[in-house]
PDB file of all heavy atoms in Angstrom:
ATOM      1  N   VAL A   1      62.061  23.480 -18.364  1.00  0.00           N
ATOM      2  CA  VAL A   1      61.680  23.457 -16.942  1.00  0.00           C
ATOM      3  C   VAL A   1      60.211  23.835 -16.803  1.00  0.00           C
ATOM      4  O   VAL A   1      59.430  23.146 -16.129  1.00  0.00           O
ATOM      5  CB  VAL A   1      62.549  24.429 -16.102  1.00  0.00           C
ATOM      6  CG1 VAL A   1      61.966  24.612 -14.703  1.00  0.00           C
ATOM      7  CG2 VAL A   1      63.983  23.941 -16.010  1.00  0.00           C
ATOM      8  N   ILE A   2      59.822  24.912 -17.439  1.00  0.00           N
ATOM      9  CA  ILE A   2      58.438  25.392 -17.352  1.00  0.00           C
ATOM     10  C   ILE A   2      57.473  24.370 -17.941  1.00  0.00           C
ATOM     11  O   ILE A   2      56.440  24.063 -17.345  1.00  0.00           O
ATOM     12  CB  ILE A   2      58.302  26.769 -18.036  1.00  0.00           C
ATOM     13  CG1 ILE A   2      59.083  27.814 -17.234  1.00  0.00           C
ATOM     14  CG2 ILE A   2      56.834  27.164 -18.180  1.00  0.00           C
ATOM     15  CD1 ILE A   2      59.296  29.128 -17.965  1.00  0.00           C
ATOM     16  N   ALA A   3      57.819  23.835 -19.107  1.00  0.00           N
ATOM     17  CA  ALA A   3      56.934  22.854 -19.757  1.00  0.00           C
ATOM     18  C   ALA A   3      56.728  21.630 -18.869  1.00  0.00           C
ATOM     19  O   ALA A   3      55.594  21.165 -18.681  1.00  0.00           O
ATOM     20  CB  ALA A   3      57.513  22.439 -21.107  1.00  0.00           C
ATOM     21  N   ILE A   4      57.807  21.115 -18.317  1.00  0.00           N
ATOM     22  CA  ILE A   4      57.690  19.919 -17.473  1.00  0.00           C
ATOM     23  C   ILE A   4      56.935  20.240 -16.190  1.00  0.00           C
ATOM     24  O   ILE A   4      56.038  19.500 -15.786  1.00  0.00           O
ATOM     25  CB  ILE A   4      59.080  19.310 -17.204  1.00  0.00           C
ATOM     26  CG1 ILE A   4      59.604  18.676 -18.503  1.00  0.00           C
ATOM     27  CG2 ILE A   4      59.021  18.284 -16.075  1.00  0.00           C
ATOM     28  CD1 ILE A   4      61.011  18.146 -18.429  1.00  0.00           C
ATOM     29  N   HIS A   5      57.271  21.346 -15.563  1.00  0.00           N
ATOM     30  CA  HIS A   5      56.588  21.698 -14.313  1.00  0.00           C
ATOM     31  C   HIS A   5      55.099  21.950 -14.522  1.00  0.00           C
ATOM     32  O   HIS A   5      54.294  21.604 -13.652  1.00  0.00           O
ATOM     33  CB  HIS A   5      57.262  22.903 -13.645  1.00  0.00           C
ATOM     34  CG  HIS A   5      58.381  22.497 -12.753  1.00  0.00           C
ATOM     35  ND1 HIS A   5      58.216  22.322 -11.412  1.00  0.00           N
ATOM     36  CD2 HIS A   5      59.663  22.185 -13.035  1.00  0.00           C
ATOM     37  CE1 HIS A   5      59.369  21.930 -10.892  1.00  0.00           C
ATOM     38  NE2 HIS A   5      60.257  21.840 -11.854  1.00  0.00           N
ATOM     39  N   ASN A   6      54.730  22.523 -15.638  1.00  0.00           N
ATOM     40  CA  ASN A   6      53.309  22.748 -15.912  1.00  0.00           C
ATOM     41  C   ASN A   6      52.538  21.427 -16.002  1.00  0.00           C
ATOM     42  O   ASN A   6      51.353  21.376 -15.695  1.00  0.00           O
ATOM     43  CB  ASN A   6      53.119  23.552 -17.191  1.00  0.00           C
ATOM     44  CG  ASN A   6      53.409  25.021 -16.990  1.00  0.00           C
ATOM     45  OD1 ASN A   6      53.467  25.515 -15.871  1.00  0.00           O
ATOM     46  ND2 ASN A   6      53.614  25.729 -18.086  1.00  0.00           N
ATOM     47  N   HIS A   7      53.216  20.373 -16.429  1.00  0.00           N
ATOM     48  CA  HIS A   7      52.538  19.091 -16.590  1.00  0.00           C
ATOM     49  C   HIS A   7      52.610  18.193 -15.365  1.00  0.00           C
ATOM     50  O   HIS A   7      51.799  17.281 -15.222  1.00  0.00           O
ATOM     51  CB  HIS A   7      53.083  18.345 -17.812  1.00  0.00           C
ATOM     52  CG  HIS A   7      52.523  18.883 -19.078  1.00  0.00           C
ATOM     53  ND1 HIS A   7      53.004  20.028 -19.684  1.00  0.00           N
ATOM     54  CD2 HIS A   7      51.496  18.470 -19.837  1.00  0.00           C
ATOM     55  CE1 HIS A   7      52.295  20.280 -20.761  1.00  0.00           C
ATOM     56  NE2 HIS A   7      51.381  19.346 -20.881  1.00  0.00           N
ATOM     57  N   ILE A   8      53.556  18.428 -14.487  1.00  0.00           N
ATOM     58  CA  ILE A   8      53.669  17.549 -13.317  1.00  0.00           C
ATOM     59  C   ILE A   8      53.266  18.251 -12.030  1.00  0.00           C
ATOM     60  O   ILE A   8      53.467  17.716 -10.944  1.00  0.00           O
ATOM     61  CB  ILE A   8      55.091  16.964 -13.175  1.00  0.00           C
ATOM     62  CG1 ILE A   8      56.119  18.065 -12.879  1.00  0.00           C
ATOM     63  CG2 ILE A   8      55.464  16.132 -14.374  1.00  0.00           C
ATOM     64  CD1 ILE A   8      57.464  17.535 -12.432  1.00  0.00           C
ATOM     65  N   VAL A   9      52.675  19.430 -12.152  1.00  0.00           N
ATOM     66  CA  VAL A   9      52.354  20.229 -10.969  1.00  0.00           C
ATOM     67  C   VAL A   9      51.524  19.451  -9.950  1.00  0.00           C
ATOM     68  O   VAL A   9      51.749  19.567  -8.745  1.00  0.00           O
ATOM     69  CB  VAL A   9      51.689  21.567 -11.366  1.00  0.00           C
ATOM     70  CG1 VAL A   9      50.287  21.362 -11.893  1.00  0.00           C
ATOM     71  CG2 VAL A   9      51.698  22.534 -10.211  1.00  0.00           C
ATOM     72  N   ASP A  10      50.612  18.624 -10.393  1.00  0.00           N
ATOM     73  CA  ASP A  10      49.777  17.852  -9.464  1.00  0.00           C
ATOM     74  C   ASP A  10      50.539  16.672  -8.850  1.00  0.00           C
ATOM     75  O   ASP A  10      50.138  16.143  -7.821  1.00  0.00           O
ATOM     76  CB  ASP A  10      48.527  17.328 -10.169  1.00  0.00           C
ATOM     77  CG  ASP A  10      47.581  18.464 -10.555  1.00  0.00           C
ATOM     78  OD1 ASP A  10      47.605  19.510  -9.870  1.00  0.00           O
ATOM     79  OD2 ASP A  10      46.848  18.300 -11.541  1.00  0.00           O
ATOM     80  N   ASP A  11      51.628  16.267  -9.504  1.00  0.00           N
ATOM     81  CA  ASP A  11      52.394  15.107  -9.034  1.00  0.00           C
ATOM     82  C   ASP A  11      53.777  15.492  -8.525  1.00  0.00           C
ATOM     83  O   ASP A  11      54.634  14.626  -8.338  1.00  0.00           O
ATOM     84  CB  ASP A  11      52.554  14.105 -10.182  1.00  0.00           C
ATOM     85  CG  ASP A  11      51.223  13.585 -10.664  1.00  0.00           C
ATOM     86  OD1 ASP A  11      50.512  12.981  -9.845  1.00  0.00           O
ATOM     87  OD2 ASP A  11      50.888  13.808 -11.841  1.00  0.00           O
ATOM     88  N   ILE A  12      54.002  16.773  -8.293  1.00  0.00           N
ATOM     89  CA  ILE A  12      55.331  17.263  -7.928  1.00  0.00           C
ATOM     90  C   ILE A  12      55.831  16.637  -6.624  1.00  0.00           C
ATOM     91  O   ILE A  12      57.023  16.483  -6.418  1.00  0.00           O
ATOM     92  CB  ILE A  12      55.359  18.811  -7.860  1.00  0.00           C
ATOM     93  CG1 ILE A  12      56.787  19.342  -7.903  1.00  0.00           C
ATOM     94  CG2 ILE A  12      54.662  19.326  -6.625  1.00  0.00           C
ATOM     95  CD1 ILE A  12      57.416  19.310  -9.233  1.00  0.00           C
ATOM     96  N   ARG A  13      54.926  16.263  -5.744  1.00  0.00           N
ATOM     97  CA  ARG A  13      55.336  15.705  -4.451  1.00  0.00           C
ATOM     98  C   ARG A  13      55.562  14.190  -4.507  1.00  0.00           C
ATOM     99  O   ARG A  13      56.022  13.603  -3.539  1.00  0.00           O
ATOM    100  CB  ARG A  13      54.312  16.048  -3.378  1.00  0.00           C
ATOM    101  CG  ARG A  13      54.154  17.542  -3.198  1.00  0.00           C
ATOM    102  CD  ARG A  13      54.313  17.950  -1.765  1.00  0.00           C
ATOM    103  NE  ARG A  13      54.021  19.341  -1.504  1.00  0.00           N
ATOM    104  CZ  ARG A  13      54.814  20.349  -1.807  1.00  0.00           C
ATOM    105  NH1 ARG A  13      55.921  20.145  -2.438  1.00  0.00           N
ATOM    106  NH2 ARG A  13      54.486  21.587  -1.507  1.00  0.00           N
ATOM    107  N   SER A  14      55.238  13.584  -5.623  1.00  0.00           N
ATOM    108  CA  SER A  14      55.516  12.152  -5.758  1.00  0.00           C
ATOM    109  C   SER A  14      57.012  11.961  -5.999  1.00  0.00           C
ATOM    110  O   SER A  14      57.721  12.887  -6.379  1.00  0.00           O
ATOM    111  CB  SER A  14      54.714  11.553  -6.917  1.00  0.00           C
ATOM    112  OG  SER A  14      55.226  12.023  -8.151  1.00  0.00           O
ATOM    113  N   ASP A  15      57.495  10.762  -5.768  1.00  0.00           N
ATOM    114  CA  ASP A  15      58.914  10.476  -5.968  1.00  0.00           C
ATOM    115  C   ASP A  15      59.340  10.790  -7.402  1.00  0.00           C
ATOM    116  O   ASP A  15      60.351  11.453  -7.637  1.00  0.00           O
ATOM    117  CB  ASP A  15      59.207   9.010  -5.635  1.00  0.00           C
ATOM    118  CG  ASP A  15      60.677   8.676  -5.771  1.00  0.00           C
ATOM    119  OD1 ASP A  15      61.508   9.414  -5.200  1.00  0.00           O
ATOM    120  OD2 ASP A  15      61.000   7.667  -6.440  1.00  0.00           O
ATOM    121  N   MET A  16      58.542  10.347  -8.366  1.00  0.00           N
ATOM    122  CA  MET A  16      58.882  10.579  -9.767  1.00  0.00           C
ATOM    123  C   MET A  16      58.779  12.062 -10.107  1.00  0.00           C
ATOM    124  O   MET A  16      59.617  12.593 -10.837  1.00  0.00           O
ATOM    125  CB  MET A  16      57.969   9.751 -10.677  1.00  0.00           C
ATOM    126  CG  MET A  16      58.375   9.776 -12.136  1.00  0.00           C
ATOM    127  SD  MET A  16      60.098   9.325 -12.473  1.00  0.00           S
ATOM    128  CE  MET A  16      60.159   7.655 -11.923  1.00  0.00           C
ATOM    129  N   GLY A  17      57.791  12.736  -9.577  1.00  0.00           N
ATOM    130  CA  GLY A  17      57.663  14.172  -9.815  1.00  0.00           C
ATOM    131  C   GLY A  17      58.856  14.937  -9.282  1.00  0.00           C
ATOM    132  O   GLY A  17      59.380  15.843  -9.932  1.00  0.00           O
ATOM    133  N   GLU A  18      59.312  14.551  -8.083  1.00  0.00           N
ATOM    134  CA  GLU A  18      60.483  15.206  -7.497  1.00  0.00           C
ATOM    135  C   GLU A  18      61.732  14.949  -8.321  1.00  0.00           C
ATOM    136  O   GLU A  18      62.564  15.836  -8.504  1.00  0.00           O
ATOM    137  CB  GLU A  18      60.697  14.716  -6.058  1.00  0.00           C
ATOM    138  CG  GLU A  18      59.708  15.306  -5.077  1.00  0.00           C
ATOM    139  CD  GLU A  18      59.951  14.831  -3.656  1.00  0.00           C
ATOM    140  OE1 GLU A  18      61.058  14.334  -3.348  1.00  0.00           O
ATOM    141  OE2 GLU A  18      59.019  14.964  -2.840  1.00  0.00           O
ATOM    142  N   ARG A  19      61.874  13.729  -8.817  1.00  0.00           N
ATOM    143  CA  ARG A  19      63.052  13.403  -9.646  1.00  0.00           C
ATOM    144  C   ARG A  19      63.057  14.219 -10.935  1.00  0.00           C
ATOM    145  O   ARG A  19      64.089  14.748 -11.331  1.00  0.00           O
ATOM    146  CB  ARG A  19      63.082  11.917  -9.968  1.00  0.00           C
ATOM    147  CG  ARG A  19      63.440  11.075  -8.788  1.00  0.00           C
ATOM    148  CD  ARG A  19      63.380   9.617  -9.138  1.00  0.00           C
ATOM    149  NE  ARG A  19      63.473   8.814  -7.948  1.00  0.00           N
ATOM    150  CZ  ARG A  19      64.186   7.713  -7.865  1.00  0.00           C
ATOM    151  NH1 ARG A  19      64.846   7.282  -8.909  1.00  0.00           N
ATOM    152  NH2 ARG A  19      64.228   7.026  -6.748  1.00  0.00           N
ATOM    153  N   LEU A  20      61.907  14.282 -11.583  1.00  0.00           N
ATOM    154  CA  LEU A  20      61.812  15.088 -12.803  1.00  0.00           C
ATOM    155  C   LEU A  20      62.128  16.552 -12.508  1.00  0.00           C
ATOM    156  O   LEU A  20      62.894  17.189 -13.216  1.00  0.00           O
ATOM    157  CB  LEU A  20      60.413  14.981 -13.413  1.00  0.00           C
ATOM    158  CG  LEU A  20      60.117  13.778 -14.273  1.00  0.00           C
ATOM    159  CD1 LEU A  20      58.630  13.730 -14.610  1.00  0.00           C
ATOM    160  CD2 LEU A  20      60.936  13.796 -15.528  1.00  0.00           C
ATOM    161  N   SER A  21      61.529  17.061 -11.464  1.00  0.00           N
ATOM    162  CA  SER A  21      61.695  18.457 -11.105  1.00  0.00           C
ATOM    163  C   SER A  21      63.151  18.791 -10.800  1.00  0.00           C
ATOM    164  O   SER A  21      63.722  19.731 -11.350  1.00  0.00           O
ATOM    165  CB  SER A  21      60.815  18.788  -9.901  1.00  0.00           C
ATOM    166  OG  SER A  21      61.050  20.102  -9.464  1.00  0.00           O
ATOM    167  N   SER A  22      63.755  18.019  -9.911  1.00  0.00           N
ATOM    168  CA  SER A  22      65.132  18.339  -9.526  1.00  0.00           C
ATOM    169  C   SER A  22      66.098  18.130 -10.688  1.00  0.00           C
ATOM    170  O   SER A  22      67.057  18.882 -10.848  1.00  0.00           O
ATOM    171  CB  SER A  22      65.558  17.525  -8.304  1.00  0.00           C
ATOM    172  OG  SER A  22      65.514  16.154  -8.568  1.00  0.00           O
ATOM    173  N   SER A  23      65.844  17.146 -11.523  1.00  0.00           N
ATOM    174  CA  SER A  23      66.721  16.883 -12.660  1.00  0.00           C
ATOM    175  C   SER A  23      66.693  18.024 -13.674  1.00  0.00           C
ATOM    176  O   SER A  23      67.735  18.519 -14.107  1.00  0.00           O
ATOM    177  CB  SER A  23      66.304  15.571 -13.333  1.00  0.00           C
ATOM    178  OG  SER A  23      67.152  15.254 -14.391  1.00  0.00           O
ATOM    179  N   VAL A  24      65.513  18.465 -14.043  1.00  0.00           N
ATOM    180  CA  VAL A  24      65.404  19.516 -15.053  1.00  0.00           C
ATOM    181  C   VAL A  24      65.927  20.857 -14.513  1.00  0.00           C
ATOM    182  O   VAL A  24      66.564  21.623 -15.234  1.00  0.00           O
ATOM    183  CB  VAL A  24      63.971  19.619 -15.625  1.00  0.00           C
ATOM    184  CG1 VAL A  24      63.010  20.256 -14.660  1.00  0.00           C
ATOM    185  CG2 VAL A  24      63.962  20.353 -16.962  1.00  0.00           C
ATOM    186  N   ILE A  25      65.695  21.122 -13.232  1.00  0.00           N
ATOM    187  CA  ILE A  25      66.200  22.368 -12.644  1.00  0.00           C
ATOM    188  C   ILE A  25      67.723  22.335 -12.542  1.00  0.00           C
ATOM    189  O   ILE A  25      68.395  23.344 -12.788  1.00  0.00           O
ATOM    190  CB  ILE A  25      65.538  22.618 -11.269  1.00  0.00           C
ATOM    191  CG1 ILE A  25      64.073  22.998 -11.488  1.00  0.00           C
ATOM    192  CG2 ILE A  25      66.262  23.714 -10.494  1.00  0.00           C
ATOM    193  CD1 ILE A  25      63.254  23.080 -10.214  1.00  0.00           C
ATOM    194  N   ALA A  26      68.297  21.181 -12.203  1.00  0.00           N
ATOM    195  CA  ALA A  26      69.754  21.064 -12.097  1.00  0.00           C
ATOM    196  C   ALA A  26      70.439  21.372 -13.431  1.00  0.00           C
ATOM    197  O   ALA A  26      71.518  21.980 -13.459  1.00  0.00           O
ATOM    198  CB  ALA A  26      70.131  19.670 -11.615  1.00  0.00           C
ATOM    199  N   ILE A  27      69.814  20.970 -14.517  1.00  0.00           N
ATOM    200  CA  ILE A  27      70.382  21.252 -15.841  1.00  0.00           C
ATOM    201  C   ILE A  27      70.491  22.757 -16.049  1.00  0.00           C
ATOM    202  O   ILE A  27      71.558  23.270 -16.417  1.00  0.00           O
ATOM    203  CB  ILE A  27      69.534  20.591 -16.953  1.00  0.00           C
ATOM    204  CG1 ILE A  27      69.642  19.073 -16.859  1.00  0.00           C
ATOM    205  CG2 ILE A  27      69.949  21.088 -18.334  1.00  0.00           C
ATOM    206  CD1 ILE A  27      68.585  18.323 -17.629  1.00  0.00           C
ATOM    207  N   SER A  28      69.409  23.466 -15.821  1.00  0.00           N
ATOM    208  CA  SER A  28      69.424  24.920 -15.999  1.00  0.00           C
ATOM    209  C   SER A  28      70.409  25.594 -15.055  1.00  0.00           C
ATOM    210  O   SER A  28      71.097  26.537 -15.434  1.00  0.00           O
ATOM    211  CB  SER A  28      68.023  25.503 -15.800  1.00  0.00           C
ATOM    212  OG  SER A  28      67.193  25.105 -16.856  1.00  0.00           O
ATOM    213  N   CYS A  29      70.488  25.102 -13.831  1.00  0.00           N
ATOM    214  CA  CYS A  29      71.426  25.682 -12.860  1.00  0.00           C
ATOM    215  C   CYS A  29      72.874  25.505 -13.302  1.00  0.00           C
ATOM    216  O   CYS A  29      73.679  26.441 -13.219  1.00  0.00           O
ATOM    217  CB  CYS A  29      71.221  25.055 -11.487  1.00  0.00           C
ATOM    218  SG  CYS A  29      69.706  25.550 -10.677  1.00  0.00           S
ATOM    219  N   ASN A  30      73.208  24.316 -13.788  1.00  0.00           N
ATOM    220  CA  ASN A  30      74.588  24.093 -14.235  1.00  0.00           C
ATOM    221  C   ASN A  30      74.916  24.895 -15.489  1.00  0.00           C
ATOM    222  O   ASN A  30      76.048  25.374 -15.648  1.00  0.00           O
ATOM    223  CB  ASN A  30      74.860  22.603 -14.449  1.00  0.00           C
ATOM    224  CG  ASN A  30      75.251  21.942 -13.158  1.00  0.00           C
ATOM    225  OD1 ASN A  30      76.221  22.335 -12.516  1.00  0.00           O
ATOM    226  ND2 ASN A  30      74.484  20.956 -12.742  1.00  0.00           N
ATOM    227  N   LEU A  31      73.950  25.070 -16.365  1.00  0.00           N
ATOM    228  CA  LEU A  31      74.189  25.907 -17.545  1.00  0.00           C
ATOM    229  C   LEU A  31      74.380  27.361 -17.130  1.00  0.00           C
ATOM    230  O   LEU A  31      75.250  28.054 -17.665  1.00  0.00           O
ATOM    231  CB  LEU A  31      73.038  25.769 -18.543  1.00  0.00           C
ATOM    232  CG  LEU A  31      72.965  24.422 -19.250  1.00  0.00           C
ATOM    233  CD1 LEU A  31      71.690  24.317 -20.074  1.00  0.00           C
ATOM    234  CD2 LEU A  31      74.189  24.194 -20.128  1.00  0.00           C
ATOM    235  N   ALA A  32      73.585  27.824 -16.160  1.00  0.00           N
ATOM    236  CA  ALA A  32      73.749  29.192 -15.665  1.00  0.00           C
ATOM    237  C   ALA A  32      75.115  29.360 -15.011  1.00  0.00           C
ATOM    238  O   ALA A  32      75.794  30.372 -15.210  1.00  0.00           O
ATOM    239  CB  ALA A  32      72.635  29.538 -14.682  1.00  0.00           C
ATOM    240  N   LYS A  33      75.533  28.359 -14.249  1.00  0.00           N
ATOM    241  CA  LYS A  33      76.843  28.404 -13.589  1.00  0.00           C
ATOM    242  C   LYS A  33      77.963  28.457 -14.631  1.00  0.00           C
ATOM    243  O   LYS A  33      78.935  29.186 -14.473  1.00  0.00           O
ATOM    244  CB  LYS A  33      77.006  27.171 -12.709  1.00  0.00           C
ATOM    245  CG  LYS A  33      78.293  27.148 -11.915  1.00  0.00           C
ATOM    246  CD  LYS A  33      78.484  25.788 -11.254  1.00  0.00           C
ATOM    247  CE  LYS A  33      78.104  25.804  -9.818  1.00  0.00           C
ATOM    248  NZ  LYS A  33      78.406  24.531  -9.135  1.00  0.00           N
TER     249      LYS A  33
END
């Protein structure tokens, strides 16, 4: 999550940036759950 977010920080608001962000965070959330 950190690695990807560090690289897409400038593009986080783009459609692709949002997809990457939400996808990688969802993985960690489901593992935590």
